[in-house]
Amino acid sequence: MPTIQLELDQPHAGQQKMRAEARRFNVAACGRQIGKTTLAQQLVIETALAGKAVSWFNPTYKSNDSAWDAIKDTLQPLVTDTNEQARRLGIQGGGSIECGPWPIPTAAEAASTISS
């Protein structure tokens, strides 16, 4: 089987620090244009390449557009299955990526959660 090389951006010092200090849940309290989305894309890609399922959620589909396109383009040589409507990719080795809007509860759902 031929070897496929993917080109990922090299993380800068701030991104390297975030990676080194990462835990199960993380908050990146930093300004715009520091590379949070690029770092997250790299982590999503690495996790999928390790054969795991990954989900990427944002408040709306529109806010996912650039990340979805970048991930899809980067992994194109390894994609085994694509579902554009569901924004799902299957990757060689068994990994998968799903991008979509975060399921925001309706007012009624939120109220029932608070009262229970």
N, C-alpha and C. Protein backbone atom coordinates (compact mmCIF):
# COMPACT_ATOMS: atom_id res chain seq x y z
N MET A 1 0.84 -1.18 0.00
CA MET A 1 0.00 0.00 0.00
C MET A 1 0.89 1.25 0.00
N PRO A 2 0.63 2.22 -0.87
CA PRO A 2 1.47 3.42 -0.93
C PRO A 2 1.31 4.28 0.32
N THR A 3 2.36 5.00 0.64
CA THR A 3 2.34 5.91 1.78
C THR A 3 1.74 7.24 1.36
N ILE A 4 0.84 7.77 2.17
CA ILE A 4 0.22 9.07 1.91
C ILE A 4 0.70 10.03 2.98
N GLN A 5 1.21 11.18 2.55
CA GLN A 5 1.65 12.20 3.50
C GLN A 5 0.67 13.36 3.49
N LEU A 6 0.25 13.76 4.68
CA LEU A 6 -0.63 14.90 4.83
C LEU A 6 0.19 16.09 5.32
N GLU A 7 -0.14 17.27 4.82
CA GLU A 7 0.57 18.47 5.24
C GLU A 7 -0.28 19.23 6.25
N LEU A 8 0.18 19.24 7.50
CA LEU A 8 -0.46 20.00 8.55
C LEU A 8 0.43 21.16 8.93
N ASP A 9 -0.19 22.27 9.32
CA ASP A 9 0.60 23.42 9.76
C ASP A 9 1.37 23.06 11.02
N GLN A 10 2.58 23.59 11.13
CA GLN A 10 3.36 23.39 12.36
C GLN A 10 2.80 24.31 13.44
N PRO A 11 2.52 23.78 14.63
CA PRO A 11 1.96 24.63 15.68
C PRO A 11 2.99 25.66 16.15
N HIS A 12 2.51 26.88 16.40
CA HIS A 12 3.40 27.91 16.94
C HIS A 12 3.49 27.75 18.45
N ALA A 13 4.27 28.58 19.11
CA ALA A 13 4.55 28.43 20.54
C ALA A 13 3.28 28.39 21.39
N GLY A 14 2.32 29.25 21.10
CA GLY A 14 1.07 29.27 21.87
C GLY A 14 0.28 27.99 21.70
N GLN A 15 0.23 27.49 20.48
CA GLN A 15 -0.48 26.24 20.22
C GLN A 15 0.25 25.06 20.87
N GLN A 16 1.57 25.08 20.82
CA GLN A 16 2.35 24.02 21.46
C GLN A 16 2.09 23.98 22.96
N LYS A 17 1.98 25.17 23.57
CA LYS A 17 1.70 25.24 25.01
C LYS A 17 0.31 24.67 25.31
N MET A 18 -0.68 25.03 24.48
CA MET A 18 -2.03 24.50 24.68
C MET A 18 -2.03 22.98 24.57
N ARG A 19 -1.30 22.44 23.61
CA ARG A 19 -1.22 20.98 23.45
C ARG A 19 -0.54 20.32 24.64
N ALA A 20 0.56 20.93 25.09
CA ALA A 20 1.32 20.35 26.20
C ALA A 20 0.53 20.34 27.51
N GLU A 21 -0.34 21.33 27.69
CA GLU A 21 -1.08 21.45 28.94
C GLU A 21 -2.51 20.91 28.83
N ALA A 22 -2.85 20.29 27.72
CA ALA A 22 -4.21 19.82 27.48
C ALA A 22 -4.62 18.73 28.46
N ARG A 23 -5.87 18.79 28.85
CA ARG A 23 -6.49 17.78 29.70
C ARG A 23 -7.76 17.29 29.00
N ARG A 24 -8.59 16.56 29.72
CA ARG A 24 -9.81 16.04 29.09
C ARG A 24 -10.72 17.19 28.64
N PHE A 25 -10.91 18.19 29.45
CA PHE A 25 -11.70 19.36 29.10
C PHE A 25 -10.78 20.57 29.16
N ASN A 26 -10.88 21.45 28.17
CA ASN A 26 -9.96 22.58 28.07
C ASN A 26 -10.72 23.84 27.69
N VAL A 27 -10.19 24.96 28.18
CA VAL A 27 -10.70 26.28 27.81
C VAL A 27 -9.51 27.08 27.31
N ALA A 28 -9.65 27.67 26.13
CA ALA A 28 -8.59 28.52 25.58
C ALA A 28 -9.05 29.97 25.69
N ALA A 29 -8.63 30.63 26.74
CA ALA A 29 -9.01 32.03 26.97
C ALA A 29 -7.95 32.92 26.33
N CYS A 30 -8.11 33.17 25.04
CA CYS A 30 -7.14 33.98 24.31
C CYS A 30 -7.87 34.76 23.22
N GLY A 31 -7.18 35.68 22.64
CA GLY A 31 -7.79 36.57 21.66
C GLY A 31 -8.04 35.93 20.31
N ARG A 32 -8.47 36.78 19.40
CA ARG A 32 -8.73 36.35 18.03
C ARG A 32 -7.43 36.09 17.29
N GLN A 33 -7.50 35.25 16.29
CA GLN A 33 -6.39 35.00 15.37
C GLN A 33 -5.15 34.37 16.01
N ILE A 34 -5.33 33.68 17.13
CA ILE A 34 -4.17 33.01 17.74
C ILE A 34 -4.00 31.59 17.20
N GLY A 35 -5.04 31.07 16.53
CA GLY A 35 -4.92 29.75 15.93
C GLY A 35 -5.68 28.66 16.65
N LYS A 36 -6.72 29.03 17.40
CA LYS A 36 -7.51 28.03 18.13
C LYS A 36 -8.19 27.06 17.17
N THR A 37 -8.77 27.58 16.10
CA THR A 37 -9.46 26.71 15.14
C THR A 37 -8.48 25.80 14.43
N THR A 38 -7.33 26.34 14.03
CA THR A 38 -6.31 25.52 13.36
C THR A 38 -5.83 24.41 14.28
N LEU A 39 -5.59 24.73 15.54
CA LEU A 39 -5.17 23.72 16.50
C LEU A 39 -6.25 22.66 16.67
N ALA A 40 -7.50 23.08 16.79
CA ALA A 40 -8.59 22.12 16.95
C ALA A 40 -8.72 21.22 15.72
N GLN A 41 -8.54 21.79 14.53
CA GLN A 41 -8.59 20.99 13.31
C GLN A 41 -7.50 19.92 13.33
N GLN A 42 -6.30 20.30 13.75
CA GLN A 42 -5.21 19.33 13.82
C GLN A 42 -5.52 18.21 14.80
N LEU A 43 -6.09 18.56 15.95
CA LEU A 43 -6.44 17.55 16.95
C LEU A 43 -7.53 16.61 16.44
N VAL A 44 -8.51 17.17 15.74
CA VAL A 44 -9.58 16.36 15.15
C VAL A 44 -9.00 15.39 14.13
N ILE A 45 -8.13 15.89 13.26
CA ILE A 45 -7.52 15.06 12.22
C ILE A 45 -6.68 13.95 12.84
N GLU A 46 -5.84 14.30 13.81
CA GLU A 46 -4.99 13.29 14.46
C GLU A 46 -5.81 12.21 15.14
N THR A 47 -6.90 12.61 15.79
CA THR A 47 -7.76 11.65 16.49
C THR A 47 -8.44 10.71 15.50
N ALA A 48 -8.94 11.26 14.39
CA ALA A 48 -9.57 10.42 13.36
C ALA A 48 -8.56 9.48 12.73
N LEU A 49 -7.34 9.96 12.50
CA LEU A 49 -6.31 9.10 11.92
C LEU A 49 -5.91 7.97 12.86
N ALA A 50 -6.15 8.16 14.16
CA ALA A 50 -5.88 7.10 15.13
C ALA A 50 -7.02 6.09 15.19
N GLY A 51 -8.02 6.24 14.30
CA GLY A 51 -9.10 5.26 14.23
C GLY A 51 -10.27 5.55 15.14
N LYS A 52 -10.37 6.77 15.67
CA LYS A 52 -11.45 7.10 16.60
C LYS A 52 -12.49 8.00 15.93
N ALA A 53 -13.66 8.04 16.53
CA ALA A 53 -14.73 8.93 16.06
C ALA A 53 -14.58 10.27 16.75
N VAL A 54 -14.73 11.34 15.97
CA VAL A 54 -14.57 12.70 16.49
C VAL A 54 -15.77 13.53 16.06
N SER A 55 -16.25 14.38 16.96
CA SER A 55 -17.33 15.32 16.62
C SER A 55 -16.85 16.74 16.88
N TRP A 56 -17.25 17.64 15.98
CA TRP A 56 -16.90 19.06 16.09
C TRP A 56 -18.22 19.82 16.05
N PHE A 57 -18.53 20.53 17.13
CA PHE A 57 -19.79 21.26 17.20
C PHE A 57 -19.55 22.75 17.35
N ASN A 58 -20.37 23.53 16.66
CA ASN A 58 -20.43 24.97 16.77
C ASN A 58 -21.90 25.34 16.86
N PRO A 59 -22.20 26.59 17.21
CA PRO A 59 -23.61 26.96 17.34
C PRO A 59 -24.43 26.81 16.05
N THR A 60 -23.82 26.98 14.88
CA THR A 60 -24.55 26.89 13.63
C THR A 60 -23.73 26.15 12.58
N TYR A 61 -24.40 25.67 11.53
CA TYR A 61 -23.67 25.06 10.42
C TYR A 61 -22.74 26.07 9.77
N LYS A 62 -23.19 27.33 9.67
CA LYS A 62 -22.37 28.35 9.00
C LYS A 62 -21.03 28.54 9.72
N SER A 63 -21.03 28.47 11.04
CA SER A 63 -19.77 28.65 11.77
C SER A 63 -18.84 27.44 11.61
N ASN A 64 -19.36 26.34 11.09
CA ASN A 64 -18.55 25.15 10.83
C ASN A 64 -17.96 25.11 9.43
N ASP A 65 -18.44 25.97 8.53
CA ASP A 65 -18.09 25.88 7.12
C ASP A 65 -16.59 25.81 6.85
N SER A 66 -15.83 26.77 7.36
CA SER A 66 -14.40 26.81 7.03
C SER A 66 -13.65 25.62 7.63
N ALA A 67 -14.00 25.25 8.86
CA ALA A 67 -13.34 24.10 9.49
C ALA A 67 -13.66 22.82 8.74
N TRP A 68 -14.92 22.62 8.37
CA TRP A 68 -15.34 21.43 7.62
C TRP A 68 -14.58 21.34 6.31
N ASP A 69 -14.53 22.45 5.57
CA ASP A 69 -13.83 22.44 4.28
C ASP A 69 -12.34 22.14 4.44
N ALA A 70 -11.71 22.74 5.46
CA ALA A 70 -10.27 22.52 5.67
C ALA A 70 -9.98 21.07 6.06
N ILE A 71 -10.78 20.51 6.95
CA ILE A 71 -10.59 19.12 7.38
C ILE A 71 -10.80 18.18 6.19
N LYS A 72 -11.87 18.40 5.45
CA LYS A 72 -12.20 17.56 4.30
C LYS A 72 -11.09 17.62 3.24
N ASP A 73 -10.59 18.81 2.97
CA ASP A 73 -9.52 18.97 1.97
C ASP A 73 -8.23 18.30 2.42
N THR A 74 -7.88 18.45 3.70
CA THR A 74 -6.65 17.86 4.22
C THR A 74 -6.70 16.34 4.15
N LEU A 75 -7.84 15.77 4.49
CA LEU A 75 -7.96 14.31 4.56
C LEU A 75 -8.41 13.65 3.27
N GLN A 76 -8.62 14.42 2.22
CA GLN A 76 -9.17 13.90 0.98
C GLN A 76 -8.53 12.58 0.50
N PRO A 77 -7.20 12.44 0.55
CA PRO A 77 -6.62 11.18 0.07
C PRO A 77 -6.99 9.96 0.92
N LEU A 78 -7.49 10.18 2.14
CA LEU A 78 -7.79 9.08 3.05
C LEU A 78 -9.28 8.88 3.30
N VAL A 79 -10.11 9.69 2.67
CA VAL A 79 -11.55 9.62 2.91
C VAL A 79 -12.13 8.39 2.22
N THR A 80 -12.88 7.60 2.98
CA THR A 80 -13.53 6.41 2.43
C THR A 80 -15.01 6.63 2.21
N ASP A 81 -15.60 7.57 2.94
CA ASP A 81 -17.04 7.82 2.84
C ASP A 81 -17.30 9.27 3.20
N THR A 82 -18.11 9.95 2.39
CA THR A 82 -18.47 11.34 2.66
C THR A 82 -19.98 11.50 2.61
N ASN A 83 -20.53 12.17 3.61
CA ASN A 83 -21.93 12.53 3.61
C ASN A 83 -21.99 14.03 3.86
N GLU A 84 -22.12 14.81 2.78
CA GLU A 84 -22.10 16.27 2.89
C GLU A 84 -23.28 16.79 3.69
N GLN A 85 -24.45 16.20 3.53
CA GLN A 85 -25.62 16.70 4.23
C GLN A 85 -25.46 16.53 5.74
N ALA A 86 -24.97 15.38 6.16
CA ALA A 86 -24.75 15.13 7.58
C ALA A 86 -23.39 15.62 8.05
N ARG A 87 -22.56 16.07 7.10
CA ARG A 87 -21.19 16.51 7.38
C ARG A 87 -20.43 15.44 8.17
N ARG A 88 -20.35 14.28 7.54
CA ARG A 88 -19.65 13.15 8.12
C ARG A 88 -18.62 12.62 7.14
N LEU A 89 -17.42 12.30 7.65
CA LEU A 89 -16.36 11.70 6.85
C LEU A 89 -15.96 10.38 7.48
N GLY A 90 -15.79 9.35 6.66
CA GLY A 90 -15.17 8.12 7.11
C GLY A 90 -13.73 8.13 6.63
N ILE A 91 -12.81 7.71 7.47
CA ILE A 91 -11.38 7.77 7.18
C ILE A 91 -10.80 6.36 7.14
N GLN A 92 -9.84 6.12 6.25
CA GLN A 92 -9.13 4.84 6.25
C GLN A 92 -8.61 4.56 7.66
N GLY A 93 -8.75 3.35 8.10
CA GLY A 93 -8.30 2.99 9.44
C GLY A 93 -9.43 3.00 10.44
N GLY A 94 -10.64 3.38 10.00
CA GLY A 94 -11.81 3.30 10.87
C GLY A 94 -12.23 4.58 11.55
N GLY A 95 -11.44 5.63 11.47
CA GLY A 95 -11.81 6.89 12.12
C GLY A 95 -12.93 7.59 11.37
N SER A 96 -13.59 8.50 12.06
CA SER A 96 -14.64 9.29 11.42
C SER A 96 -14.70 10.67 12.06
N ILE A 97 -15.23 11.62 11.28
CA ILE A 97 -15.38 13.00 11.75
C ILE A 97 -16.79 13.45 11.40
N GLU A 98 -17.43 14.10 12.36
CA GLU A 98 -18.75 14.66 12.15
C GLU A 98 -18.72 16.12 12.60
N CYS A 99 -19.18 17.02 11.76
CA CYS A 99 -19.25 18.45 12.08
C CYS A 99 -20.70 18.88 12.02
N GLY A 100 -21.16 19.58 13.02
CA GLY A 100 -22.54 20.04 12.98
C GLY A 100 -22.82 21.08 14.02
N PRO A 101 -24.05 21.58 14.04
CA PRO A 101 -24.41 22.57 15.05
C PRO A 101 -24.61 21.91 16.41
N TRP A 102 -24.23 22.62 17.44
CA TRP A 102 -24.45 22.14 18.79
C TRP A 102 -25.94 22.09 19.02
N PRO A 103 -26.46 21.00 19.56
CA PRO A 103 -27.91 20.93 19.77
C PRO A 103 -28.33 21.86 20.91
N ILE A 104 -28.85 23.02 20.54
CA ILE A 104 -29.26 24.01 21.52
C ILE A 104 -30.71 23.71 21.92
N PRO A 105 -30.96 23.54 23.22
CA PRO A 105 -32.31 23.20 23.65
C PRO A 105 -33.29 24.35 23.45
N THR A 106 -34.55 24.00 23.23
CA THR A 106 -35.58 25.03 23.17
C THR A 106 -35.82 25.54 24.58
N ALA A 107 -36.56 26.63 24.70
CA ALA A 107 -36.86 27.19 26.02
C ALA A 107 -37.58 26.16 26.90
N ALA A 108 -38.50 25.42 26.30
CA ALA A 108 -39.25 24.40 27.05
C ALA A 108 -38.31 23.28 27.53
N GLU A 109 -37.40 22.85 26.67
CA GLU A 109 -36.45 21.79 27.07
C GLU A 109 -35.54 22.28 28.18
N ALA A 110 -35.08 23.51 28.06
CA ALA A 110 -34.21 24.08 29.10
C ALA A 110 -34.95 24.20 30.43
N ALA A 111 -36.20 24.65 30.38
CA ALA A 111 -37.00 24.80 31.60
C ALA A 111 -37.25 23.45 32.26
N SER A 112 -37.51 22.41 31.47
CA SER A 112 -37.77 21.10 32.05
C SER A 112 -36.50 20.53 32.68
N THR A 113 -35.33 20.86 32.13
CA THR A 113 -34.08 20.40 32.70
C THR A 113 -33.83 21.06 34.04
N ILE A 114 -34.13 22.34 34.13
CA ILE A 114 -33.91 23.10 35.37
C ILE A 114 -34.85 22.63 36.47
N SER A 115 -36.09 22.34 36.12
CA SER A 115 -37.08 21.97 37.13
C SER A 115 -36.95 20.53 37.60
N SER A 116 -36.23 19.69 36.88
CA SER A 116 -36.15 18.28 37.29
C SER A 116 -34.99 17.99 38.17
